[in-house]
Protein backbone atom coordinates (compact mmCIF):
# COMPACT_ATOMS: atom_id res chain seq x y z
CA UNK A 1 15.85 8.16 -24.04
CA UNK A 2 18.37 8.88 -21.29
CA UNK A 3 16.88 9.16 -17.80
CA UNK A 4 18.65 9.75 -14.49
CA UNK A 5 17.12 8.95 -11.07
CA UNK A 6 18.03 11.02 -8.03
CA UNK A 7 17.40 8.62 -5.08
CA UNK A 8 17.04 5.47 -7.18
CA UNK A 9 16.98 3.14 -4.17
CA UNK A 10 13.41 3.85 -3.03
CA UNK A 11 10.76 1.16 -3.33
CA UNK A 12 8.78 3.00 -6.00
CA UNK A 13 11.81 4.62 -7.65
CA UNK A 14 13.82 1.47 -8.28
CA UNK A 15 10.77 -0.26 -9.76
CA UNK A 16 10.20 2.65 -12.15
CA UNK A 17 13.88 2.57 -13.07
CA UNK A 18 13.64 -1.15 -13.91
CA UNK A 19 10.43 -0.58 -15.89
CA UNK A 20 12.10 2.09 -18.03
CA UNK A 21 15.16 -0.11 -18.50
CA UNK A 22 12.90 -2.92 -19.72
CA UNK A 23 11.24 -0.43 -22.06
CA UNK A 24 14.64 0.22 -23.66
CA UNK A 25 15.60 3.49 -21.96
CA UNK A 26 19.17 4.23 -20.88
CA UNK A 27 18.84 4.47 -17.10
CA UNK A 28 21.32 5.82 -14.55
CA UNK A 29 20.84 6.73 -10.92
CA UNK A 30 22.33 7.58 -7.57
CA UNK A 31 21.52 7.42 -3.87
CA UNK A 32 23.22 7.80 -0.51
CA UNK A 33 21.84 4.46 0.67
CA UNK A 34 20.43 1.46 -1.18
CA UNK A 35 19.12 -1.54 0.75
CA UNK A 36 17.69 -4.90 -0.24
CA UNK A 37 15.64 -5.80 -2.17
CA UNK A 38 16.30 -2.67 -4.28
CA UNK A 39 20.08 -3.29 -4.36
CA UNK A 40 19.81 -6.84 -5.68
CA UNK A 41 17.08 -6.02 -8.17
CA UNK A 42 18.94 -3.01 -9.61
CA UNK A 43 22.10 -5.13 -9.87
CA UNK A 44 20.17 -7.87 -11.69
CA UNK A 45 19.28 -5.41 -14.46
CA UNK A 46 22.71 -3.75 -14.56
CA UNK A 47 21.54 -0.36 -13.31
CA UNK A 48 22.87 -0.38 -9.74
CA UNK A 49 25.03 2.73 -9.20
CA UNK A 50 28.73 1.80 -9.06
CA UNK A 51 29.19 3.88 -5.91
CA UNK A 52 27.03 5.25 -3.13
CA UNK A 53 26.54 9.00 -2.89
CA UNK A 54 25.64 12.00 -5.01
CA UNK A 55 27.66 12.75 -8.16
CA UNK A 56 26.53 16.03 -9.76
CA UNK A 57 29.29 15.76 -12.36
CA UNK A 58 27.43 12.81 -13.90
CA UNK A 59 24.49 15.00 -14.88
CA UNK A 60 24.96 16.35 -18.39
CA UNK A 61 22.90 18.17 -20.98
CA UNK A 62 22.50 14.84 -22.83
CA UNK A 63 19.89 13.68 -20.31
CA UNK A 64 16.28 13.72 -21.54
CA UNK A 65 14.82 13.65 -18.03
CA UNK A 66 15.72 13.63 -14.36
CA UNK A 67 13.35 11.88 -11.93
CA UNK A 68 13.46 13.13 -8.35
CA UNK A 69 12.61 10.83 -5.43
CA UNK A 70 11.16 11.83 -2.04
CA UNK A 71 14.32 10.66 -0.29
CA UNK A 72 16.35 13.47 -1.88
CA UNK A 73 16.47 16.81 -0.08
CA UNK A 74 15.79 20.15 -1.71
CA UNK A 75 19.51 21.06 -1.55
CA UNK A 76 20.63 17.78 -3.12
CA UNK A 77 23.76 18.54 -5.20
CA UNK A 78 22.48 16.55 -8.20
CA UNK A 79 19.16 18.43 -8.10
CA UNK A 80 21.05 21.74 -7.95
CA UNK A 81 23.14 20.66 -10.95
CA UNK A 82 20.05 19.57 -12.91
CA UNK A 83 18.50 22.98 -12.37
CA UNK A 84 21.71 24.73 -13.47
CA UNK A 85 21.69 22.71 -16.70
CA UNK A 86 18.02 23.46 -17.32
CA UNK A 87 17.16 19.75 -17.51
CA UNK A 88 13.57 18.49 -17.40
CA UNK A 89 12.99 17.47 -13.78
CA UNK A 90 10.02 15.22 -13.00
CA UNK A 91 8.69 13.87 -9.76
CA UNK A 92 7.82 10.16 -9.73
CA UNK A 93 4.06 10.78 -10.27
CA UNK A 94 4.69 13.45 -12.91
CA UNK A 95 6.72 10.99 -14.93
CA UNK A 96 4.10 8.25 -14.59
CA UNK A 97 1.51 10.69 -15.95
CA UNK A 98 3.86 11.61 -18.80
CA UNK A 99 4.05 7.92 -19.70
CA UNK A 100 0.26 7.42 -19.49
CA UNK A 101 -1.28 10.71 -20.64
CA UNK A 102 -2.67 9.13 -23.82
CA UNK A 103 -4.14 6.11 -21.99
CA UNK A 104 -7.21 5.50 -19.85
CA UNK A 105 -5.99 5.94 -16.27
CA UNK A 106 -7.68 3.94 -13.50
CA UNK A 107 -6.44 5.58 -10.28
CA UNK A 108 -7.13 4.05 -6.88
CA UNK A 109 -7.07 6.42 -3.90
CA UNK A 110 -8.13 6.11 -0.27
CA UNK A 111 -6.70 5.73 3.21
CA UNK A 112 -6.80 1.92 3.05
CA UNK A 113 -7.19 -0.88 0.52
CA UNK A 114 -5.41 0.89 -2.35
CA UNK A 115 -2.81 -1.80 -2.98
CA UNK A 116 -5.32 -4.63 -2.83
CA UNK A 117 -7.85 -2.96 -5.17
CA UNK A 118 -5.08 -2.02 -7.61
CA UNK A 119 -3.75 -5.58 -7.51
CA UNK A 120 -7.21 -7.05 -8.09
CA UNK A 121 -7.82 -4.88 -11.16
CA UNK A 122 -4.42 -5.74 -12.64
CA UNK A 123 -4.99 -9.45 -11.99
CA UNK A 124 -8.44 -9.47 -13.61
CA UNK A 125 -7.32 -7.50 -16.68
CA UNK A 126 -4.38 -9.87 -17.15
CA UNK A 127 -6.63 -12.93 -16.75
CA UNK A 128 -9.06 -11.48 -19.31
CA UNK A 129 -6.31 -10.85 -21.84
CA UNK A 130 -6.41 -7.04 -21.52
CA UNK A 131 -2.92 -5.57 -21.78
CA UNK A 132 -2.36 -2.92 -19.11
CA UNK A 133 0.39 -0.79 -17.72
CA UNK A 134 0.44 -0.39 -13.96
CA UNK A 135 2.00 0.94 -10.81
CA UNK A 136 1.21 -0.88 -7.57
CA UNK A 137 2.64 -0.55 -4.06
CA UNK A 138 3.50 -4.22 -3.49
CA UNK A 139 5.08 -7.01 -5.50
CA UNK A 140 2.39 -9.28 -6.93
CA UNK A 141 2.62 -13.03 -7.28
CA UNK A 142 3.76 -13.84 -10.82
CA UNK A 143 4.85 -10.26 -11.63
CA UNK A 144 8.49 -9.27 -12.00
CA UNK A 145 8.19 -5.59 -11.12
CA UNK A 146 5.73 -3.23 -9.44
CA UNK A 147 5.70 -0.90 -12.46
CA UNK A 148 5.01 -1.70 -16.11
CA UNK A 149 5.21 0.85 -18.92
CA UNK A 150 4.66 0.11 -22.60
CA UNK A 151 3.84 1.79 -25.88
CA UNK A 152 1.01 -0.63 -26.64
CA UNK A 153 -1.27 -0.81 -23.56
CA UNK A 154 -4.32 1.43 -23.79
CA UNK A 155 -4.98 1.53 -20.03
CA UNK A 156 -2.85 2.13 -16.95
CA UNK A 157 -3.85 1.10 -13.42
CA UNK A 158 -2.25 3.34 -10.79
CA UNK A 159 -2.20 3.13 -7.00
CA UNK A 160 -2.79 6.74 -5.97
CA UNK A 161 -1.01 7.68 -2.77
CA UNK A 162 -2.10 10.96 -1.15
CA UNK A 163 1.37 11.72 0.24
CA UNK A 164 3.54 14.55 -1.10
CA UNK A 165 4.88 14.39 -4.64
CA UNK A 166 8.52 15.40 -4.11
CA UNK A 167 10.77 17.66 -2.02
CA UNK A 168 10.01 20.51 -4.45
CA UNK A 169 6.32 19.74 -5.06
CA UNK A 170 3.91 19.68 -2.10
CA UNK A 171 0.91 18.36 -4.07
CA UNK A 172 -0.47 14.91 -3.19
CA UNK A 173 0.76 12.29 -5.66
CA UNK A 174 -2.69 11.14 -6.77
CA UNK A 175 -3.64 14.61 -8.01
CA UNK A 176 -0.97 14.40 -10.70
CA UNK A 177 -2.32 11.21 -12.29
CA UNK A 178 -5.52 12.94 -13.54
CA UNK A 179 -7.84 9.93 -13.28
CA UNK A 180 -10.21 8.80 -16.01
CA UNK A 181 -11.78 6.28 -13.63
CA UNK A 182 -11.18 7.24 -10.01
CA UNK A 183 -11.74 5.07 -6.93
CA UNK A 184 -11.74 6.19 -3.30
CA UNK A 185 -11.87 3.28 -0.86
CA UNK A 186 -12.34 5.23 2.35
CA UNK A 187 -11.11 8.27 4.24
CA UNK A 188 -9.42 7.95 7.63
CA UNK A 189 -7.05 10.71 8.72
CA UNK A 190 -3.40 9.93 8.03
CA UNK A 191 -0.10 11.75 7.32
CA UNK A 192 -0.68 14.28 10.09
CA UNK A 193 2.75 15.80 9.44
CA UNK A 194 1.45 16.95 6.04
CA UNK A 195 -2.29 17.33 6.65
CA UNK A 196 -2.57 18.84 10.16
CA UNK A 197 -6.38 18.68 10.27
CA UNK A 198 -8.91 16.10 9.10
CA UNK A 199 -10.70 18.70 6.94
CA UNK A 200 -7.50 19.47 5.03
CA UNK A 201 -6.97 15.74 4.52
CA UNK A 202 -10.52 15.20 3.22
CA UNK A 203 -10.16 18.15 0.83
CA UNK A 204 -7.44 16.28 -1.08
CA UNK A 205 -9.92 13.52 -1.98
CA UNK A 206 -12.51 16.05 -3.10
CA UNK A 207 -9.94 17.64 -5.41
CA UNK A 208 -9.11 14.18 -6.76
CA UNK A 209 -12.77 13.30 -7.44
CA UNK A 210 -13.41 16.61 -9.19
CA UNK A 211 -10.61 15.83 -11.67
CA UNK A 212 -12.54 12.90 -13.17
CA UNK A 213 -13.92 13.80 -16.64
CA UNK A 214 -17.56 13.50 -17.71
CA UNK A 215 -16.76 10.34 -19.70
CA UNK A 216 -15.09 8.75 -16.64
CA UNK A 217 -16.48 7.37 -13.41
CA UNK A 218 -16.16 8.09 -9.67
CA UNK A 219 -16.31 4.83 -7.69
CA UNK A 220 -16.56 5.20 -3.92
CA UNK A 221 -17.31 3.20 -0.78
CA UNK A 222 -20.81 4.09 0.38
CA UNK A 223 -20.16 2.58 3.83
CA UNK A 224 -17.88 5.54 4.56
CA UNK A 225 -19.92 8.43 5.95
CA UNK A 226 -17.32 11.03 4.99
CA UNK A 227 -17.18 9.68 1.45
CA UNK A 228 -20.96 9.72 1.10
CA UNK A 229 -20.95 13.40 2.02
CA UNK A 230 -18.08 14.09 -0.38
CA UNK A 231 -19.86 12.26 -3.21
CA UNK A 232 -22.77 14.66 -2.84
CA UNK A 233 -20.44 17.44 -4.02
CA UNK A 234 -19.39 15.58 -7.17
CA UNK A 235 -21.33 16.36 -10.35
CA UNK A 236 -18.54 16.31 -12.92
CA UNK A 237 -18.67 12.55 -13.60
CA UNK A 238 -21.02 9.56 -13.17
CA UNK A 239 -20.89 8.10 -9.65
CA UNK A 240 -20.86 4.45 -8.59
CA UNK A 241 -21.18 3.65 -4.87
CA UNK A 242 -20.23 0.20 -3.61
CA UNK A 243 -20.39 -1.84 -0.41
CA UNK A 244 -19.58 -5.38 0.70
CA UNK A 245 -20.12 -7.96 -2.03
CA UNK A 246 -22.54 -10.72 -0.91
CA UNK A 247 -20.61 -13.71 0.44
CA UNK A 248 -20.62 -16.59 2.87
CA UNK A 249 -17.97 -18.67 4.63
CA UNK A 250 -18.08 -22.47 4.48
CA UNK A 251 -15.40 -24.70 6.03
CA UNK A 252 -13.02 -21.75 6.34
CA UNK A 253 -13.38 -20.70 2.68
CA UNK A 254 -15.04 -17.46 1.59
CA UNK A 255 -17.43 -17.72 -1.38
CA UNK A 256 -18.83 -14.75 -3.29
CA UNK A 257 -22.48 -15.11 -4.28
CA UNK A 258 -23.16 -14.11 -7.90
CA UNK A 259 -25.88 -14.56 -10.56
CA UNK A 260 -23.53 -17.09 -12.19
CA UNK A 261 -23.06 -19.22 -9.09
CA UNK A 262 -20.86 -19.10 -6.01
CA UNK A 263 -17.12 -18.61 -6.54
CA UNK A 264 -14.54 -19.60 -3.90
CA UNK A 265 -11.93 -16.97 -3.06
CA UNK A 266 -8.34 -17.28 -1.91
CA UNK A 267 -8.73 -14.11 0.19
CA UNK A 268 -11.06 -13.26 3.07
CA UNK A 269 -12.41 -10.43 5.22
CA UNK A 270 -15.27 -7.94 4.83
CA UNK A 271 -12.83 -5.20 3.85
CA UNK A 272 -11.55 -7.41 1.02
CA UNK A 273 -15.13 -8.05 -0.12
CA UNK A 274 -15.50 -4.27 -0.39
CA UNK A 275 -12.16 -4.02 -2.19
CA UNK A 276 -13.38 -6.70 -4.60
CA UNK A 277 -16.52 -4.71 -5.37
CA UNK A 278 -14.49 -1.58 -6.10
CA UNK A 279 -12.31 -3.58 -8.49
CA UNK A 280 -15.42 -5.09 -10.10
CA UNK A 281 -16.93 -1.71 -10.95
CA UNK A 282 -13.61 -0.45 -12.30
CA UNK A 283 -13.22 -3.48 -14.56
CA UNK A 284 -16.84 -3.27 -15.76
CA UNK A 285 -16.28 0.42 -16.53
CA UNK A 286 -13.43 -0.59 -18.83
CA UNK A 287 -15.47 -3.24 -20.66
CA UNK A 288 -14.78 -6.47 -18.76
CA UNK A 289 -17.87 -8.68 -18.59
CA UNK A 290 -19.20 -9.40 -15.11
CA UNK A 291 -18.93 -13.19 -15.40
CA UNK A 292 -15.36 -12.79 -16.67
CA UNK A 293 -14.56 -10.73 -13.59
CA UNK A 294 -15.88 -13.36 -11.19
CA UNK A 295 -14.00 -16.15 -12.91
CA UNK A 296 -10.76 -14.15 -12.84
CA UNK A 297 -10.98 -12.87 -9.26
CA UNK A 298 -11.39 -16.39 -7.86
CA UNK A 299 -7.70 -17.04 -8.58
CA UNK A 300 -6.47 -13.80 -6.96
CA UNK A 301 -4.09 -14.68 -4.10
CA UNK A 302 -3.65 -11.21 -2.62
CA UNK A 303 -0.83 -8.68 -2.57
CA UNK A 304 2.35 -9.03 -0.56
CA UNK A 305 1.87 -8.41 3.18
CA UNK A 306 -1.90 -7.98 2.80
CA UNK A 307 -3.24 -10.76 5.04
CA UNK A 308 -0.45 -12.90 3.62
CA UNK A 309 -0.12 -16.37 5.16
CA UNK A 310 3.27 -16.92 6.80
CA UNK A 311 2.73 -20.46 8.05
CA UNK A 312 -0.23 -22.77 8.62
CA UNK A 313 0.20 -26.04 10.46
CA UNK A 314 -2.56 -28.01 12.12
CA UNK A 315 -4.80 -25.61 14.01
CA UNK A 316 -2.15 -22.85 14.06
CA UNK A 317 -1.95 -20.07 11.49
CA UNK A 318 0.21 -16.96 11.23
CA UNK A 319 -0.43 -13.98 8.94
CA UNK A 320 1.44 -10.78 8.21
CA UNK A 321 -0.22 -7.57 7.10
CA UNK A 322 0.77 -4.01 6.21
CA UNK A 323 -1.93 -2.61 8.54
CA UNK A 324 -0.67 0.30 10.62
CA UNK A 325 -3.34 3.03 10.70
CA UNK A 326 -6.34 2.67 13.07
CA UNK A 327 -8.85 1.89 10.30
CA UNK A 328 -6.57 -0.69 8.66
CA UNK A 329 -5.79 -2.26 12.00
CA UNK A 330 -9.43 -2.64 12.94
CA UNK A 331 -10.45 -4.04 9.53
CA UNK A 332 -7.63 -6.59 9.49
CA UNK A 333 -8.23 -7.85 13.03
CA UNK A 334 -11.96 -8.08 12.29
CA UNK A 335 -11.31 -10.06 9.09
CA UNK A 336 -9.20 -12.65 10.88
CA UNK A 337 -11.71 -12.90 13.73
CA UNK A 338 -14.55 -13.58 11.25
CA UNK A 339 -12.50 -16.17 9.37
CA UNK A 340 -11.38 -17.94 12.57
CA UNK A 341 -14.27 -17.40 15.02
CA UNK A 342 -13.24 -20.22 17.39
CA UNK A 343 -9.48 -19.62 17.41
CA UNK A 344 -7.46 -17.78 20.05
CA UNK A 345 -6.47 -14.62 18.16
CA UNK A 346 -3.21 -12.88 19.09
CA UNK A 347 -2.81 -9.53 17.32
CA UNK A 348 0.57 -7.82 17.36
CA UNK A 349 1.19 -4.44 15.69
CA UNK A 350 4.10 -2.02 15.38
CA UNK A 351 3.76 1.73 15.72
CA UNK A 352 6.15 2.75 12.96
CA UNK A 353 4.79 5.62 10.82
CA UNK A 354 5.18 9.31 11.62
CA UNK A 355 1.46 9.58 12.39
CA UNK A 356 1.30 6.52 14.66
CA UNK A 357 4.27 7.76 16.71
CA UNK A 358 2.68 11.16 17.29
CA UNK A 359 0.93 11.49 20.68
CA UNK A 360 -1.95 13.57 19.26
CA UNK A 361 -2.74 11.00 16.53
CA UNK A 362 -2.21 8.02 18.82
CA UNK A 363 -5.64 8.62 20.38
CA UNK A 364 -7.23 7.43 17.10
CA UNK A 365 -6.27 3.84 18.00
CA UNK A 366 -8.85 3.46 20.78
CA UNK A 367 -10.57 0.07 20.37
CA UNK A 368 -8.66 -0.82 17.18
CA UNK A 369 -7.64 -4.29 18.45
CA UNK A 370 -10.58 -5.09 20.72
CA UNK A 371 -11.65 -8.13 18.66
CA UNK A 372 -8.37 -9.92 19.41
CA UNK A 373 -8.11 -12.19 22.45
CA UNK A 374 -4.62 -10.87 23.11
CA UNK A 375 -3.22 -7.57 21.84
CA UNK A 376 0.44 -6.54 21.71
CA UNK A 377 1.79 -3.16 20.58
CA UNK A 378 5.49 -2.71 19.83
CA UNK A 379 7.33 0.54 19.23
CA UNK A 380 10.98 1.57 19.12
CA UNK A 381 12.36 4.58 20.95
CA UNK A 382 15.12 4.59 18.32
CA UNK A 383 12.56 5.00 15.52
CA UNK A 384 10.99 7.93 17.36
CA UNK A 385 14.38 9.62 17.70
CA UNK A 386 15.09 9.00 14.02
CA UNK A 387 11.84 10.77 13.09
CA UNK A 388 12.77 13.59 15.49
CA UNK A 389 9.53 13.27 17.43
CA UNK A 390 8.87 13.67 21.16
CA UNK A 391 9.31 10.33 22.89
CA UNK A 392 6.35 8.14 23.83
CA UNK A 393 5.87 6.13 27.00
CA UNK A 394 4.25 2.74 27.45
CA UNK A 395 1.58 4.44 29.55
CA UNK A 396 0.68 6.78 26.67
CA UNK A 397 0.18 3.80 24.36
CA UNK A 398 -1.89 1.90 26.94
CA UNK A 399 -4.17 4.90 27.41
CA UNK A 400 -4.53 5.52 23.66
CA UNK A 401 -5.60 1.95 22.80
CA UNK A 402 -8.05 1.98 25.75
CA UNK A 403 -7.51 -1.72 26.47
CA UNK A 404 -6.54 -2.61 30.06
CA UNK A 405 -4.86 -5.93 29.15
CA UNK A 406 -2.82 -4.47 26.28
CA UNK A 407 0.83 -5.59 26.29
CA UNK A 408 3.24 -2.83 25.23
CA UNK A 409 6.83 -3.72 24.31
CA UNK A 410 9.83 -1.69 23.15
CA UNK A 411 12.52 -4.39 22.81
CA UNK A 412 12.24 -6.50 19.65
CA UNK A 413 14.30 -9.33 21.15
CA UNK A 414 11.94 -9.62 24.11
CA UNK A 415 8.99 -9.44 21.70
CA UNK A 416 10.37 -12.34 19.67
CA UNK A 417 10.99 -14.37 22.84
CA UNK A 418 7.39 -13.78 23.93
CA UNK A 419 5.98 -14.85 20.56
CA UNK A 420 8.05 -18.02 20.59
CA UNK A 421 6.18 -19.07 23.74
CA UNK A 422 2.62 -18.69 22.41
CA UNK A 423 0.39 -21.78 22.17
CA UNK A 424 0.05 -23.37 18.74
CA UNK A 425 -3.24 -25.19 19.24
CA UNK A 426 -6.32 -23.39 17.85
CA UNK A 427 -4.32 -20.16 17.66
CA UNK A 428 -3.93 -17.47 15.00
CA UNK A 429 -1.06 -14.98 15.21
CA UNK A 430 -1.51 -11.75 13.26
CA UNK A 431 1.57 -9.53 12.79
CA UNK A 432 0.84 -6.03 11.48
CA UNK A 433 3.33 -3.32 10.51
CA UNK A 434 4.55 -1.05 7.74
CA UNK A 435 8.04 -1.70 9.14
CA UNK A 436 9.86 -4.84 10.25
CA UNK A 437 9.61 -4.90 14.06
CA UNK A 438 13.22 -3.69 14.19
CA UNK A 439 14.63 -6.60 12.25
CA UNK A 440 12.38 -9.56 13.13
CA UNK A 441 12.19 -11.94 10.16
CA UNK A 442 8.53 -12.98 10.28
CA UNK A 443 8.99 -15.98 7.99
CA UNK A 444 11.75 -17.35 10.22
CA UNK A 445 9.67 -16.57 13.30
CA UNK A 446 6.75 -18.56 11.93
CA UNK A 447 8.94 -21.57 11.16
CA UNK A 448 10.45 -21.44 14.65
CA UNK A 449 7.01 -21.31 16.29
CA UNK A 450 5.66 -24.39 14.48
CA UNK A 451 8.91 -26.33 15.02
CA UNK A 452 8.72 -25.99 18.81
CA UNK A 453 7.30 -28.93 20.79
CA UNK A 454 3.67 -28.53 21.90
C-alpha cells in the first residue's frame, strides 16, 4: 500500500504515518513546517520529507490513499492535485475507521479526561495480554508511538476528539469512528469557534451516543448533569453510568477500595478516580475480569502532561498538566489540593486555545483556581494576534477569573523569573497549559527551582 500524507508534521498525523510505516506501508508526506518531536521521529523511521513545502508533482495515480491533515488548507496544491487525479482522499479519522472497521471499537469522548481514560484502557488490556490497536492523544510510558495498527488485533481503543475532521469535512472526528463501546466523560463547552452555542456542542455527543449499536454499551459519567439528561434520550444501546471509584489517601498515596482488597495507585485526584471507573466498565465490557483490572491499573503511571511529576525534592513538588479549559483547570487544581492538603499550592495556567483567548468564553473561568493559595494566569498577545482574535487586557482576565489576588502576566521571561523566586518548603507548583508558556522548558525550570538555595 502506498499512502501519502498532506501535512505529515502534525502530532496525530506523524504518529499515524509511523504506524503505517511499521505496518509495512510505503509512506510519503509533505508539510510547510515540521517541528520537534515530529521531525526527529519521522527522520528516525526514514519518512521525513526531504524538503519543506508542498509538491503536487509528487502525487501520482500509483497512490492507494491520500490522508489530509487539519493543518492543510482547502486550496492546498497537493489536495487540488489529488482531486484532479481522482485519488482516494481520507481525513485522519476516516482512515482510522477504515483500518478498524472489522474490529470492536472502544471510543472515548468528552470534554475532559479522554486521554487518561484511553491510556488506562490500553494499559490494562496490554497488562492482561489482550492485543489491541489504539490511537491516543499523548505518548505513553513504554509505548513507541501514539498509534498502533495491525491485522491481528480484534479491538481498537480510540481517543475521540469532538473537533472538526478536516478542512473539507466539518463533522466532529469522533462521529466517524462509529463506536461499539462509547464513553463520554463529561460535557463542558469548548471549541467555541466551531460550536457557537452550548446546545450545538451538546448535540454532537448525543449524535455520538446514538451511533452505538444494540450489542455495544454507552458508558457515561453520572456526576455530569448534562450527561444524565442526554442519557435519558439514549435507548439504542445498554447504558452504564459511573462515578468516583471508592478510595482513600494514606501517607500521600491513593488506594482504591475493592472487593479484592485495597490497591495503591500511582495517580491521584477525584477526576482520575472517575476516569478509572470509566476505563473499568469499558474493560469489563470487553471481557476483562474485574480483579484483573484492579491488578493492572495499580501499575498505571499516567499519560504525558496529565498531572505528570516534573520534580519532587523534600517538601517541594512540581507538576505539569494539559489542563486549559475551565472544567479541566478546576478538576486538576482540586486534585492537587486534596493530595497535598497542608502544602502551599501555587497554580499557574496559560490561556492558549482559541476558546480561552476569546472574551465571551473567558467568563467560564470564574472560580476555576479558587482552591489554590496563589493563582497566576499567563497569556501572550502574540498568540492572540496569531489566532486573529481581538486582543485581551489584564483587566479582562482578572474580571473573568473573579479572584481579586489573581496575578496576570504576559511576558514569559518575567513569569519564569517570578517562579524562580517561589519558596520550596511545603510548596506545590502546578503548571497547566496546552501550549508551552511561550518557550519555557518546564523540566529545566523545575531543576533550577530545586537547585536554588533555600
